[in-house]
Amino acid sequence: MIELGARERTQPPPPRIVWESLANPRRPGGRQWLDLLPDEMEPRILEAVEPGLVVWSSLWPARAEDRIRFDIRSADAGCSLRWTLLTPDEPPQSQVLNHLRHRLNFLINAQLRFSFGQ
């Protein structure tokens, strides 16, 4: 797998809570933060090891073989969450790649974070 991008930031809740939000983003009664665009699809959970790892299938039908890996670890009062976009294929053109990175960063470091009140 080729790494296309990654970013690590802190999140306010402990690892277990962030893991649950990533491993089951549509659970009844859970925080609704995963707002997909028309060109995106619901991710499948490919791997989940509580409380430190979640791997999603791609959000983008045009990049169906891509994977999104989330590594979660304790940090200060909350946790550190790193997303990594991976592909077995050729990297996309830079404009597309910038969009994919921006979109993941927005979903994780804005939408998910805001769902925890931050």
PDB file of N, CA and C in Angstrom:
ATOM      1  N   MET A   1       0.843  -1.190   0.000  1.00  0.00           N
ATOM      2  CA  MET A   1       0.000   0.000   0.000  1.00  0.00           C
ATOM      3  C   MET A   1       0.886   1.250   0.000  1.00  0.00           C
ATOM      4  N   ILE A   2       0.466   2.224  -0.735  1.00  0.00           N
ATOM      5  CA  ILE A   2       1.166   3.507  -0.822  1.00  0.00           C
ATOM      6  C   ILE A   2       0.413   4.515   0.037  1.00  0.00           C
ATOM      7  N   GLU A   3       1.139   5.245   0.871  1.00  0.00           N
ATOM      8  CA  GLU A   3       0.520   6.290   1.686  1.00  0.00           C
ATOM      9  C   GLU A   3       0.316   7.532   0.830  1.00  0.00           C
ATOM     10  N   LEU A   4      -0.938   7.975   0.748  1.00  0.00           N
ATOM     11  CA  LEU A   4      -1.289   9.169  -0.031  1.00  0.00           C
ATOM     12  C   LEU A   4      -1.384  10.412   0.837  1.00  0.00           C
ATOM     13  N   GLY A   5      -1.541  10.227   2.117  1.00  0.00           N
ATOM     14  CA  GLY A   5      -1.642  11.355   3.025  1.00  0.00           C
ATOM     15  C   GLY A   5      -1.953  10.882   4.420  1.00  0.00           C
ATOM     16  N   ALA A   6      -1.643  11.722   5.388  1.00  0.00           N
ATOM     17  CA  ALA A   6      -1.911  11.392   6.788  1.00  0.00           C
ATOM     18  C   ALA A   6      -1.928  12.677   7.591  1.00  0.00           C
ATOM     19  N   ARG A   7      -2.621  12.637   8.692  1.00  0.00           N
ATOM     20  CA  ARG A   7      -2.631  13.761   9.617  1.00  0.00           C
ATOM     21  C   ARG A   7      -2.976  13.236  10.996  1.00  0.00           C
ATOM     22  N   GLU A   8      -2.315  13.783  12.002  1.00  0.00           N
ATOM     23  CA  GLU A   8      -2.570  13.380  13.385  1.00  0.00           C
ATOM     24  C   GLU A   8      -2.927  14.614  14.195  1.00  0.00           C
ATOM     25  N   ARG A   9      -4.017  14.524  14.927  1.00  0.00           N
ATOM     26  CA  ARG A   9      -4.483  15.602  15.793  1.00  0.00           C
ATOM     27  C   ARG A   9      -5.092  14.989  17.046  1.00  0.00           C
ATOM     28  N   THR A  10      -5.192  15.790  18.086  1.00  0.00           N
ATOM     29  CA  THR A  10      -5.837  15.312  19.302  1.00  0.00           C
ATOM     30  C   THR A  10      -7.358  15.442  19.171  1.00  0.00           C
ATOM     31  N   GLN A  11      -8.032  14.603  19.920  1.00  0.00           N
ATOM     32  CA  GLN A  11      -9.488  14.642  20.046  1.00  0.00           C
ATOM     33  C   GLN A  11      -9.790  14.687  21.538  1.00  0.00           C
ATOM     34  N   PRO A  12     -10.870  15.368  21.940  1.00  0.00           N
ATOM     35  CA  PRO A  12     -11.142  15.530  23.369  1.00  0.00           C
ATOM     36  C   PRO A  12     -11.513  14.263  24.140  1.00  0.00           C
ATOM     37  N   PRO A  13     -12.270  13.303  23.569  1.00  0.00           N
ATOM     38  CA  PRO A  13     -12.644  12.139  24.376  1.00  0.00           C
ATOM     39  C   PRO A  13     -11.533  11.088  24.434  1.00  0.00           C
ATOM     40  N   PRO A  14     -11.693  10.129  25.329  1.00  0.00           N
ATOM     41  CA  PRO A  14     -10.712   9.042  25.417  1.00  0.00           C
ATOM     42  C   PRO A  14     -10.781   8.136  24.184  1.00  0.00           C
ATOM     43  N   PRO A  15      -9.747   7.319  23.973  1.00  0.00           N
ATOM     44  CA  PRO A  15      -9.684   6.460  22.789  1.00  0.00           C
ATOM     45  C   PRO A  15     -10.927   5.595  22.561  1.00  0.00           C
ATOM     46  N   ARG A  16     -11.474   5.024  23.589  1.00  0.00           N
ATOM     47  CA  ARG A  16     -12.631   4.129  23.442  1.00  0.00           C
ATOM     48  C   ARG A  16     -13.809   4.824  22.770  1.00  0.00           C
ATOM     49  N   ILE A  17     -14.063   6.080  23.124  1.00  0.00           N
ATOM     50  CA  ILE A  17     -15.190   6.829  22.562  1.00  0.00           C
ATOM     51  C   ILE A  17     -14.940   7.161  21.093  1.00  0.00           C
ATOM     52  N   VAL A  18     -13.723   7.581  20.766  1.00  0.00           N
ATOM     53  CA  VAL A  18     -13.380   7.885  19.370  1.00  0.00           C
ATOM     54  C   VAL A  18     -13.441   6.600  18.541  1.00  0.00           C
ATOM     55  N   TRP A  19     -12.910   5.505  19.087  1.00  0.00           N
ATOM     56  CA  TRP A  19     -12.960   4.224  18.391  1.00  0.00           C
ATOM     57  C   TRP A  19     -14.406   3.856  18.056  1.00  0.00           C
ATOM     58  N   GLU A  20     -15.297   3.988  19.024  1.00  0.00           N
ATOM     59  CA  GLU A  20     -16.705   3.651  18.818  1.00  0.00           C
ATOM     60  C   GLU A  20     -17.324   4.511  17.718  1.00  0.00           C
ATOM     61  N   SER A  21     -16.989   5.795  17.681  1.00  0.00           N
ATOM     62  CA  SER A  21     -17.529   6.692  16.660  1.00  0.00           C
ATOM     63  C   SER A  21     -17.042   6.331  15.263  1.00  0.00           C
ATOM     64  N   LEU A  22     -15.818   5.820  15.159  1.00  0.00           N
ATOM     65  CA  LEU A  22     -15.270   5.429  13.860  1.00  0.00           C
ATOM     66  C   LEU A  22     -15.708   4.018  13.455  1.00  0.00           C
ATOM     67  N   ALA A  23     -15.793   3.113  14.424  1.00  0.00           N
ATOM     68  CA  ALA A  23     -16.155   1.725  14.133  1.00  0.00           C
ATOM     69  C   ALA A  23     -17.634   1.557  13.822  1.00  0.00           C
ATOM     70  N   ASN A  24     -18.449   2.482  14.290  1.00  0.00           N
ATOM     71  CA  ASN A  24     -19.889   2.415  14.042  1.00  0.00           C
ATOM     72  C   ASN A  24     -20.442   3.838  13.905  1.00  0.00           C
ATOM     73  N   PRO A  25     -20.095   4.533  12.822  1.00  0.00           N
ATOM     74  CA  PRO A  25     -20.481   5.939  12.701  1.00  0.00           C
ATOM     75  C   PRO A  25     -21.983   6.186  12.573  1.00  0.00           C
ATOM     76  N   ARG A  26     -22.758   5.173  12.278  1.00  0.00           N
ATOM     77  CA  ARG A  26     -24.218   5.338  12.114  1.00  0.00           C
ATOM     78  C   ARG A  26     -25.015   4.659  13.228  1.00  0.00           C
ATOM     79  N   ARG A  27     -24.372   4.375  14.350  1.00  0.00           N
ATOM     80  CA  ARG A  27     -25.103   3.655  15.399  1.00  0.00           C
ATOM     81  C   ARG A  27     -26.263   4.494  15.920  1.00  0.00           C
ATOM     82  N   PRO A  28     -27.394   3.845  16.188  1.00  0.00           N
ATOM     83  CA  PRO A  28     -28.559   4.558  16.725  1.00  0.00           C
ATOM     84  C   PRO A  28     -28.205   5.253  18.040  1.00  0.00           C
ATOM     85  N   GLY A  29     -28.590   6.492  18.166  1.00  0.00           N
ATOM     86  CA  GLY A  29     -28.321   7.266  19.373  1.00  0.00           C
ATOM     87  C   GLY A  29     -26.920   7.853  19.421  1.00  0.00           C
ATOM     88  N   GLY A  30     -26.097   7.543  18.428  1.00  0.00           N
ATOM     89  CA  GLY A  30     -24.728   8.059  18.392  1.00  0.00           C
ATOM     90  C   GLY A  30     -24.666   9.454  17.778  1.00  0.00           C
ATOM     91  N   ARG A  31     -23.500  10.032  17.874  1.00  0.00           N
ATOM     92  CA  ARG A  31     -23.264  11.345  17.265  1.00  0.00           C
ATOM     93  C   ARG A  31     -23.312  11.205  15.756  1.00  0.00           C
ATOM     94  N   GLN A  32     -24.083  12.041  15.091  1.00  0.00           N
ATOM     95  CA  GLN A  32     -24.169  12.012  13.633  1.00  0.00           C
ATOM     96  C   GLN A  32     -23.193  13.033  13.068  1.00  0.00           C
ATOM     97  N   TRP A  33     -22.063  12.571  12.617  1.00  0.00           N
ATOM     98  CA  TRP A  33     -21.011  13.460  12.139  1.00  0.00           C
ATOM     99  C   TRP A  33     -20.552  13.141  10.723  1.00  0.00           C
ATOM    100  N   LEU A  34     -20.844  11.942  10.239  1.00  0.00           N
ATOM    101  CA  LEU A  34     -20.343  11.505   8.935  1.00  0.00           C
ATOM    102  C   LEU A  34     -21.323  11.922   7.837  1.00  0.00           C
ATOM    103  N   ASP A  35     -21.220  13.172   7.417  1.00  0.00           N
ATOM    104  CA  ASP A  35     -22.067  13.708   6.356  1.00  0.00           C
ATOM    105  C   ASP A  35     -21.349  13.548   5.025  1.00  0.00           C
ATOM    106  N   LEU A  36     -21.851  12.622   4.204  1.00  0.00           N
ATOM    107  CA  LEU A  36     -21.204  12.310   2.942  1.00  0.00           C
ATOM    108  C   LEU A  36     -21.714  13.202   1.813  1.00  0.00           C
ATOM    109  N   LEU A  37     -20.833  13.465   0.870  1.00  0.00           N
ATOM    110  CA  LEU A  37     -21.172  14.238  -0.324  1.00  0.00           C
ATOM    111  C   LEU A  37     -21.770  13.306  -1.375  1.00  0.00           C
ATOM    112  N   PRO A  38     -22.432  13.851  -2.407  1.00  0.00           N
ATOM    113  CA  PRO A  38     -23.043  12.997  -3.438  1.00  0.00           C
ATOM    114  C   PRO A  38     -22.056  12.056  -4.146  1.00  0.00           C
ATOM    115  N   ASP A  39     -20.787  12.425  -4.228  1.00  0.00           N
ATOM    116  CA  ASP A  39     -19.805  11.556  -4.898  1.00  0.00           C
ATOM    117  C   ASP A  39     -19.111  10.593  -3.934  1.00  0.00           C
ATOM    118  N   GLU A  40     -19.646  10.462  -2.723  1.00  0.00           N
ATOM    119  CA  GLU A  40     -19.057   9.586  -1.711  1.00  0.00           C
ATOM    120  C   GLU A  40     -20.026   8.462  -1.353  1.00  0.00           C
ATOM    121  N   MET A  41     -19.471   7.390  -0.796  1.00  0.00           N
ATOM    122  CA  MET A  41     -20.292   6.256  -0.379  1.00  0.00           C
ATOM    123  C   MET A  41     -19.952   5.890   1.067  1.00  0.00           C
ATOM    124  N   GLU A  42     -20.879   5.206   1.683  1.00  0.00           N
ATOM    125  CA  GLU A  42     -20.709   4.761   3.064  1.00  0.00           C
ATOM    126  C   GLU A  42     -19.502   3.828   3.159  1.00  0.00           C
ATOM    127  N   PRO A  43     -18.592   4.071   4.116  1.00  0.00           N
ATOM    128  CA  PRO A  43     -17.454   3.168   4.242  1.00  0.00           C
ATOM    129  C   PRO A  43     -17.859   1.855   4.914  1.00  0.00           C
ATOM    130  N   ARG A  44     -17.168   0.793   4.545  1.00  0.00           N
ATOM    131  CA  ARG A  44     -17.310  -0.485   5.240  1.00  0.00           C
ATOM    132  C   ARG A  44     -16.171  -0.587   6.245  1.00  0.00           C
ATOM    133  N   ILE A  45     -16.435  -1.204   7.357  1.00  0.00           N
ATOM    134  CA  ILE A  45     -15.394  -1.429   8.353  1.00  0.00           C
ATOM    135  C   ILE A  45     -14.650  -2.702   7.943  1.00  0.00           C
ATOM    136  N   LEU A  46     -13.379  -2.548   7.614  1.00  0.00           N
ATOM    137  CA  LEU A  46     -12.566  -3.678   7.167  1.00  0.00           C
ATOM    138  C   LEU A  46     -11.804  -4.321   8.314  1.00  0.00           C
ATOM    139  N   GLU A  47     -11.494  -3.510   9.322  1.00  0.00           N
ATOM    140  CA  GLU A  47     -10.774  -4.014  10.499  1.00  0.00           C
ATOM    141  C   GLU A  47     -11.076  -3.076  11.656  1.00  0.00           C
ATOM    142  N   ALA A  48     -11.233  -3.639  12.830  1.00  0.00           N
ATOM    143  CA  ALA A  48     -11.474  -2.833  14.026  1.00  0.00           C
ATOM    144  C   ALA A  48     -10.937  -3.585  15.236  1.00  0.00           C
ATOM    145  N   VAL A  49      -9.968  -2.981  15.895  1.00  0.00           N
ATOM    146  CA  VAL A  49      -9.370  -3.555  17.101  1.00  0.00           C
ATOM    147  C   VAL A  49      -9.484  -2.485  18.188  1.00  0.00           C
ATOM    148  N   GLU A  50     -10.412  -2.711  19.107  1.00  0.00           N
ATOM    149  CA  GLU A  50     -10.668  -1.725  20.162  1.00  0.00           C
ATOM    150  C   GLU A  50      -9.501  -1.671  21.144  1.00  0.00           C
ATOM    151  N   PRO A  51      -9.090  -0.503  21.565  1.00  0.00           N
ATOM    152  CA  PRO A  51      -9.551   0.832  21.214  1.00  0.00           C
ATOM    153  C   PRO A  51      -8.611   1.586  20.270  1.00  0.00           C
ATOM    154  N   GLY A  52      -7.706   0.864  19.562  1.00  0.00           N
ATOM    155  CA  GLY A  52      -6.655   1.593  18.878  1.00  0.00           C
ATOM    156  C   GLY A  52      -6.627   1.603  17.367  1.00  0.00           C
ATOM    157  N   LEU A  53      -7.501   0.829  16.691  1.00  0.00           N
ATOM    158  CA  LEU A  53      -7.400   0.744  15.237  1.00  0.00           C
ATOM    159  C   LEU A  53      -8.760   0.560  14.588  1.00  0.00           C
ATOM    160  N   VAL A  54      -8.994   1.318  13.522  1.00  0.00           N
ATOM    161  CA  VAL A  54     -10.154   1.125  12.658  1.00  0.00           C
ATOM    162  C   VAL A  54      -9.661   1.334  11.233  1.00  0.00           C
ATOM    163  N   VAL A  55     -10.078   0.434  10.329  1.00  0.00           N
ATOM    164  CA  VAL A  55      -9.751   0.593   8.909  1.00  0.00           C
ATOM    165  C   VAL A  55     -11.056   0.597   8.132  1.00  0.00           C
ATOM    166  N   TRP A  56     -11.229   1.653   7.327  1.00  0.00           N
ATOM    167  CA  TRP A  56     -12.409   1.804   6.475  1.00  0.00           C
ATOM    168  C   TRP A  56     -12.067   1.476   5.038  1.00  0.00           C
ATOM    169  N   SER A  57     -13.078   1.054   4.301  1.00  0.00           N
ATOM    170  CA  SER A  57     -12.972   1.016   2.852  1.00  0.00           C
ATOM    171  C   SER A  57     -13.032   2.467   2.358  1.00  0.00           C
ATOM    172  N   SER A  58     -12.831   2.640   1.094  1.00  0.00           N
ATOM    173  CA  SER A  58     -12.825   3.972   0.496  1.00  0.00           C
ATOM    174  C   SER A  58     -14.185   4.660   0.599  1.00  0.00           C
ATOM    175  N   LEU A  59     -14.150   5.967   0.666  1.00  0.00           N
ATOM    176  CA  LEU A  59     -15.369   6.783   0.608  1.00  0.00           C
ATOM    177  C   LEU A  59     -15.748   7.108  -0.833  1.00  0.00           C
ATOM    178  N   TRP A  60     -14.834   6.849  -1.763  1.00  0.00           N
ATOM    179  CA  TRP A  60     -15.010   7.313  -3.139  1.00  0.00           C
ATOM    180  C   TRP A  60     -15.108   6.146  -4.117  1.00  0.00           C
ATOM    181  N   PRO A  61     -16.260   5.978  -4.777  1.00  0.00           N
ATOM    182  CA  PRO A  61     -16.417   4.892  -5.743  1.00  0.00           C
ATOM    183  C   PRO A  61     -15.334   4.886  -6.827  1.00  0.00           C
ATOM    184  N   ALA A  62     -14.870   6.039  -7.226  1.00  0.00           N
ATOM    185  CA  ALA A  62     -13.831   6.124  -8.250  1.00  0.00           C
ATOM    186  C   ALA A  62     -12.470   5.653  -7.735  1.00  0.00           C
ATOM    187  N   ARG A  63     -12.329   5.535  -6.424  1.00  0.00           N
ATOM    188  CA  ARG A  63     -11.079   5.084  -5.791  1.00  0.00           C
ATOM    189  C   ARG A  63     -11.401   3.907  -4.868  1.00  0.00           C
ATOM    190  N   ALA A  64     -12.132   2.946  -5.371  1.00  0.00           N
ATOM    191  CA  ALA A  64     -12.703   1.861  -4.564  1.00  0.00           C
ATOM    192  C   ALA A  64     -11.673   1.013  -3.814  1.00  0.00           C
ATOM    193  N   GLU A  65     -10.438   0.945  -4.280  1.00  0.00           N
ATOM    194  CA  GLU A  65      -9.422   0.114  -3.628  1.00  0.00           C
ATOM    195  C   GLU A  65      -8.676   0.840  -2.508  1.00  0.00           C
ATOM    196  N   ASP A  66      -8.889   2.140  -2.382  1.00  0.00           N
ATOM    197  CA  ASP A  66      -8.233   2.901  -1.320  1.00  0.00           C
ATOM    198  C   ASP A  66      -8.740   2.452   0.044  1.00  0.00           C
ATOM    199  N   ARG A  67      -7.946   2.708   1.055  1.00  0.00           N
ATOM    200  CA  ARG A  67      -8.292   2.398   2.440  1.00  0.00           C
ATOM    201  C   ARG A  67      -7.995   3.608   3.301  1.00  0.00           C
ATOM    202  N   ILE A  68      -8.727   3.719   4.401  1.00  0.00           N
ATOM    203  CA  ILE A  68      -8.486   4.787   5.371  1.00  0.00           C
ATOM    204  C   ILE A  68      -8.236   4.111   6.713  1.00  0.00           C
ATOM    205  N   ARG A  69      -7.049   4.328   7.222  1.00  0.00           N
ATOM    206  CA  ARG A  69      -6.647   3.709   8.491  1.00  0.00           C
ATOM    207  C   ARG A  69      -6.665   4.767   9.581  1.00  0.00           C
ATOM    208  N   PHE A  70      -7.258   4.406  10.723  1.00  0.00           N
ATOM    209  CA  PHE A  70      -7.302   5.288  11.886  1.00  0.00           C
ATOM    210  C   PHE A  70      -6.528   4.625  13.022  1.00  0.00           C
ATOM    211  N   ASP A  71      -5.522   5.308  13.515  1.00  0.00           N
ATOM    212  CA  ASP A  71      -4.758   4.848  14.676  1.00  0.00           C
ATOM    213  C   ASP A  71      -5.076   5.784  15.827  1.00  0.00           C
ATOM    214  N   ILE A  72      -5.479   5.215  16.945  1.00  0.00           N
ATOM    215  CA  ILE A  72      -5.933   5.981  18.102  1.00  0.00           C
ATOM    216  C   ILE A  72      -5.069   5.599  19.299  1.00  0.00           C
ATOM    217  N   ARG A  73      -4.588   6.605  20.016  1.00  0.00           N
ATOM    218  CA  ARG A  73      -3.804   6.325  21.230  1.00  0.00           C
ATOM    219  C   ARG A  73      -4.114   7.382  22.285  1.00  0.00           C
ATOM    220  N   SER A  74      -3.927   7.022  23.529  1.00  0.00           N
ATOM    221  CA  SER A  74      -4.148   7.958  24.630  1.00  0.00           C
ATOM    222  C   SER A  74      -3.189   9.125  24.522  1.00  0.00           C
ATOM    223  N   ALA A  75      -3.692  10.307  24.869  1.00  0.00           N
ATOM    224  CA  ALA A  75      -2.866  11.516  24.871  1.00  0.00           C
ATOM    225  C   ALA A  75      -3.528  12.553  25.761  1.00  0.00           C
ATOM    226  N   ASP A  76      -2.793  13.036  26.744  1.00  0.00           N
ATOM    227  CA  ASP A  76      -3.309  14.047  27.673  1.00  0.00           C
ATOM    228  C   ASP A  76      -4.663  13.606  28.232  1.00  0.00           C
ATOM    229  N   ALA A  77      -5.658  14.480  28.163  1.00  0.00           N
ATOM    230  CA  ALA A  77      -6.975  14.152  28.721  1.00  0.00           C
ATOM    231  C   ALA A  77      -7.848  13.403  27.726  1.00  0.00           C
ATOM    232  N   GLY A  78      -7.449  13.345  26.465  1.00  0.00           N
ATOM    233  CA  GLY A  78      -8.245  12.689  25.435  1.00  0.00           C
ATOM    234  C   GLY A  78      -7.447  11.636  24.697  1.00  0.00           C
ATOM    235  N   CYS A  79      -7.321  11.842  23.385  1.00  0.00           N
ATOM    236  CA  CYS A  79      -6.563  10.895  22.577  1.00  0.00           C
ATOM    237  C   CYS A  79      -5.943  11.584  21.372  1.00  0.00           C
ATOM    238  N   SER A  80      -5.059  10.875  20.751  1.00  0.00           N
ATOM    239  CA  SER A  80      -4.464  11.312  19.497  1.00  0.00           C
ATOM    240  C   SER A  80      -5.030  10.411  18.420  1.00  0.00           C
ATOM    241  N   LEU A  81      -5.524  11.012  17.342  1.00  0.00           N
ATOM    242  CA  LEU A  81      -6.128  10.269  16.244  1.00  0.00           C
ATOM    243  C   LEU A  81      -5.378  10.590  14.958  1.00  0.00           C
ATOM    244  N   ARG A  82      -4.863   9.554  14.327  1.00  0.00           N
ATOM    245  CA  ARG A  82      -4.150   9.717  13.053  1.00  0.00           C
ATOM    246  C   ARG A  82      -4.935   8.996  11.965  1.00  0.00           C
ATOM    247  N   TRP A  83      -5.267   9.728  10.898  1.00  0.00           N
ATOM    248  CA  TRP A  83      -5.836   9.074   9.732  1.00  0.00           C
ATOM    249  C   TRP A  83      -4.747   8.964   8.674  1.00  0.00           C
ATOM    250  N   THR A  84      -4.783   7.856   7.941  1.00  0.00           N
ATOM    251  CA  THR A  84      -3.840   7.620   6.856  1.00  0.00           C
ATOM    252  C   THR A  84      -4.619   7.106   5.660  1.00  0.00           C
ATOM    253  N   LEU A  85      -4.479   7.789   4.536  1.00  0.00           N
ATOM    254  CA  LEU A  85      -5.111   7.372   3.291  1.00  0.00           C
ATOM    255  C   LEU A  85      -4.113   6.520   2.519  1.00  0.00           C
ATOM    256  N   LEU A  86      -4.530   5.294   2.183  1.00  0.00           N
ATOM    257  CA  LEU A  86      -3.646   4.311   1.549  1.00  0.00           C
ATOM    258  C   LEU A  86      -4.261   3.815   0.240  1.00  0.00           C
ATOM    259  N   THR A  87      -3.400   3.440  -0.687  1.00  0.00           N
ATOM    260  CA  THR A  87      -3.878   2.862  -1.940  1.00  0.00           C
ATOM    261  C   THR A  87      -2.934   1.782  -2.435  1.00  0.00           C
ATOM    262  N   PRO A  88      -3.480   0.744  -3.094  1.00  0.00           N
ATOM    263  CA  PRO A  88      -2.633  -0.235  -3.771  1.00  0.00           C
ATOM    264  C   PRO A  88      -2.393   0.183  -5.230  1.00  0.00           C
ATOM    265  N   ASP A  89      -3.119   1.198  -5.662  1.00  0.00           N
ATOM    266  CA  ASP A  89      -3.096   1.656  -7.046  1.00  0.00           C
ATOM    267  C   ASP A  89      -2.144   2.832  -7.225  1.00  0.00           C
ATOM    268  N   GLU A  90      -2.165   3.376  -8.417  1.00  0.00           N
ATOM    269  CA  GLU A  90      -1.396   4.583  -8.700  1.00  0.00           C
ATOM    270  C   GLU A  90      -2.035   5.764  -7.964  1.00  0.00           C
ATOM    271  N   PRO A  91      -1.235   6.687  -7.463  1.00  0.00           N
ATOM    272  CA  PRO A  91      -1.800   7.877  -6.847  1.00  0.00           C
ATOM    273  C   PRO A  91      -2.593   8.687  -7.878  1.00  0.00           C
ATOM    274  N   PRO A  92      -3.658   9.357  -7.431  1.00  0.00           N
ATOM    275  CA  PRO A  92      -4.423  10.192  -8.357  1.00  0.00           C
ATOM    276  C   PRO A  92      -3.659  11.474  -8.684  1.00  0.00           C
ATOM    277  N   GLN A  93      -4.180  12.218  -9.634  1.00  0.00           N
ATOM    278  CA  GLN A  93      -3.606  13.512  -9.967  1.00  0.00           C
ATOM    279  C   GLN A  93      -3.652  14.401  -8.736  1.00  0.00           C
ATOM    280  N   SER A  94      -2.742  15.369  -8.674  1.00  0.00           N
ATOM    281  CA  SER A  94      -2.587  16.184  -7.464  1.00  0.00           C
ATOM    282  C   SER A  94      -3.872  16.911  -7.065  1.00  0.00           C
ATOM    283  N   GLN A  95      -4.659  17.382  -8.018  1.00  0.00           N
ATOM    284  CA  GLN A  95      -5.905  18.078  -7.681  1.00  0.00           C
ATOM    285  C   GLN A  95      -6.879  17.128  -6.984  1.00  0.00           C
ATOM    286  N   VAL A  96      -6.995  15.916  -7.470  1.00  0.00           N
ATOM    287  CA  VAL A  96      -7.866  14.910  -6.844  1.00  0.00           C
ATOM    288  C   VAL A  96      -7.321  14.532  -5.474  1.00  0.00           C
ATOM    289  N   LEU A  97      -6.025  14.302  -5.390  1.00  0.00           N
ATOM    290  CA  LEU A  97      -5.408  13.931  -4.123  1.00  0.00           C
ATOM    291  C   LEU A  97      -5.608  15.014  -3.071  1.00  0.00           C
ATOM    292  N   ASN A  98      -5.452  16.259  -3.456  1.00  0.00           N
ATOM    293  CA  ASN A  98      -5.691  17.373  -2.525  1.00  0.00           C
ATOM    294  C   ASN A  98      -7.128  17.367  -2.023  1.00  0.00           C
ATOM    295  N   HIS A  99      -8.075  17.078  -2.908  1.00  0.00           N
ATOM    296  CA  HIS A  99      -9.489  17.006  -2.502  1.00  0.00           C
ATOM    297  C   HIS A  99      -9.706  15.874  -1.496  1.00  0.00           C
ATOM    298  N   LEU A 100      -9.136  14.694  -1.762  1.00  0.00           N
ATOM    299  CA  LEU A 100      -9.313  13.548  -0.858  1.00  0.00           C
ATOM    300  C   LEU A 100      -8.740  13.847   0.526  1.00  0.00           C
ATOM    301  N   ARG A 101      -7.547  14.401   0.557  1.00  0.00           N
ATOM    302  CA  ARG A 101      -6.920  14.753   1.842  1.00  0.00           C
ATOM    303  C   ARG A 101      -7.737  15.803   2.588  1.00  0.00           C
ATOM    304  N   HIS A 102      -8.151  16.830   1.868  1.00  0.00           N
ATOM    305  CA  HIS A 102      -8.938  17.888   2.495  1.00  0.00           C
ATOM    306  C   HIS A 102     -10.242  17.331   3.065  1.00  0.00           C
ATOM    307  N   ARG A 103     -10.881  16.479   2.295  1.00  0.00           N
ATOM    308  CA  ARG A 103     -12.158  15.920   2.722  1.00  0.00           C
ATOM    309  C   ARG A 103     -12.007  15.072   3.982  1.00  0.00           C
ATOM    310  N   LEU A 104     -10.982  14.221   4.022  1.00  0.00           N
ATOM    311  CA  LEU A 104     -10.746  13.421   5.223  1.00  0.00           C
ATOM    312  C   LEU A 104     -10.430  14.304   6.418  1.00  0.00           C
ATOM    313  N   ASN A 105      -9.593  15.293   6.204  1.00  0.00           N
ATOM    314  CA  ASN A 105      -9.255  16.189   7.297  1.00  0.00           C
ATOM    315  C   ASN A 105     -10.500  16.910   7.815  1.00  0.00           C
ATOM    316  N   PHE A 106     -11.370  17.344   6.916  1.00  0.00           N
ATOM    317  CA  PHE A 106     -12.608  18.008   7.327  1.00  0.00           C
ATOM    318  C   PHE A 106     -13.506  17.060   8.121  1.00  0.00           C
ATOM    319  N   LEU A 107     -13.701  15.850   7.615  1.00  0.00           N
ATOM    320  CA  LEU A 107     -14.574  14.900   8.314  1.00  0.00           C
ATOM    321  C   LEU A 107     -14.052  14.551   9.704  1.00  0.00           C
ATOM    322  N   ILE A 108     -12.744  14.323   9.824  1.00  0.00           N
ATOM    323  CA  ILE A 108     -12.182  13.853  11.087  1.00  0.00           C
ATOM    324  C   ILE A 108     -11.838  14.993  12.033  1.00  0.00           C
ATOM    325  N   ASN A 109     -11.149  16.008  11.541  1.00  0.00           N
ATOM    326  CA  ASN A 109     -10.663  17.069  12.424  1.00  0.00           C
ATOM    327  C   ASN A 109     -11.587  18.268  12.520  1.00  0.00           C
ATOM    328  N   ALA A 110     -12.730  18.194  11.876  1.00  0.00           N
ATOM    329  CA  ALA A 110     -13.765  19.216  12.051  1.00  0.00           C
ATOM    330  C   ALA A 110     -15.063  18.533  12.480  1.00  0.00           C
ATOM    331  N   GLN A 111     -15.696  17.772  11.577  1.00  0.00           N
ATOM    332  CA  GLN A 111     -16.999  17.172  11.875  1.00  0.00           C
ATOM    333  C   GLN A 111     -16.968  16.256  13.110  1.00  0.00           C
ATOM    334  N   LEU A 112     -16.045  15.314  13.145  1.00  0.00           N
ATOM    335  CA  LEU A 112     -15.977  14.410  14.295  1.00  0.00           C
ATOM    336  C   LEU A 112     -15.664  15.189  15.558  1.00  0.00           C
ATOM    337  N   ARG A 113     -14.668  16.066  15.488  1.00  0.00           N
ATOM    338  CA  ARG A 113     -14.286  16.881  16.656  1.00  0.00           C
ATOM    339  C   ARG A 113     -15.486  17.710  17.145  1.00  0.00           C
ATOM    340  N   PHE A 114     -16.188  18.360  16.228  1.00  0.00           N
ATOM    341  CA  PHE A 114     -17.342  19.180  16.611  1.00  0.00           C
ATOM    342  C   PHE A 114     -18.434  18.349  17.251  1.00  0.00           C
ATOM    343  N   SER A 115     -18.550  17.085  16.850  1.00  0.00           N
ATOM    344  CA  SER A 115     -19.580  16.222  17.449  1.00  0.00           C
ATOM    345  C   SER A 115     -19.317  15.972  18.929  1.00  0.00           C
ATOM    346  N   PHE A 116     -18.053  16.171  19.359  1.00  0.00           N
ATOM    347  CA  PHE A 116     -17.702  16.021  20.769  1.00  0.00           C
ATOM    348  C   PHE A 116     -17.756  17.354  21.504  1.00  0.00           C
ATOM    349  N   GLY A 117     -18.256  18.381  20.844  1.00  0.00           N
ATOM    350  CA  GLY A 117     -18.404  19.692  21.487  1.00  0.00           C
ATOM    351  C   GLY A 117     -17.170  20.557  21.410  1.00  0.00           C
ATOM    352  N   GLN A 118     -16.250  20.259  20.518  1.00  0.00           N
ATOM    353  CA  GLN A 118     -15.028  21.057  20.385  1.00  0.00           C
ATOM    354  C   GLN A 118     -15.007  21.787  19.087  1.00  0.00           C
TER     355      GLN A 118
END
